[in-house]
């Protein structure tokens, strides 16, 4: 590898060192639970809280996309995302407690979103 060519441009030694350091911290943090020889268990409140982590992460990604456009709150009702979210929420509460509620929520939202977005340009 040509190191002179590697360090030209925007990548310098500090950037490379920072990247390697961050990789080391990530590997150590993720393997911490495997390094320990002692058995350990999370307290019940932490185990219960971790059950909600995936849906909380999904909501944190989806919610800003629903209510914001170009960094500002949506102020127009002709936005397909709003109606798709309403359809998805309605489906979820209709099918709550049954199987495939999450898949049906996504599919029902897309069934509303795509015609409005492609057909009407919302």
Foldseek 3Di string as FASTA:
>chain_A
DPVVVVCPDPRHPVNVVVVVVVVVVVVCVVCVVVPDPDDDDDPPVVVVVVVCVVVVVVCVVVVCVLQDDPRHGDPDPLALSVVLQVQLVVQLVVQPPHPPNNVVSNVRSCVSRVCSCVVVVD
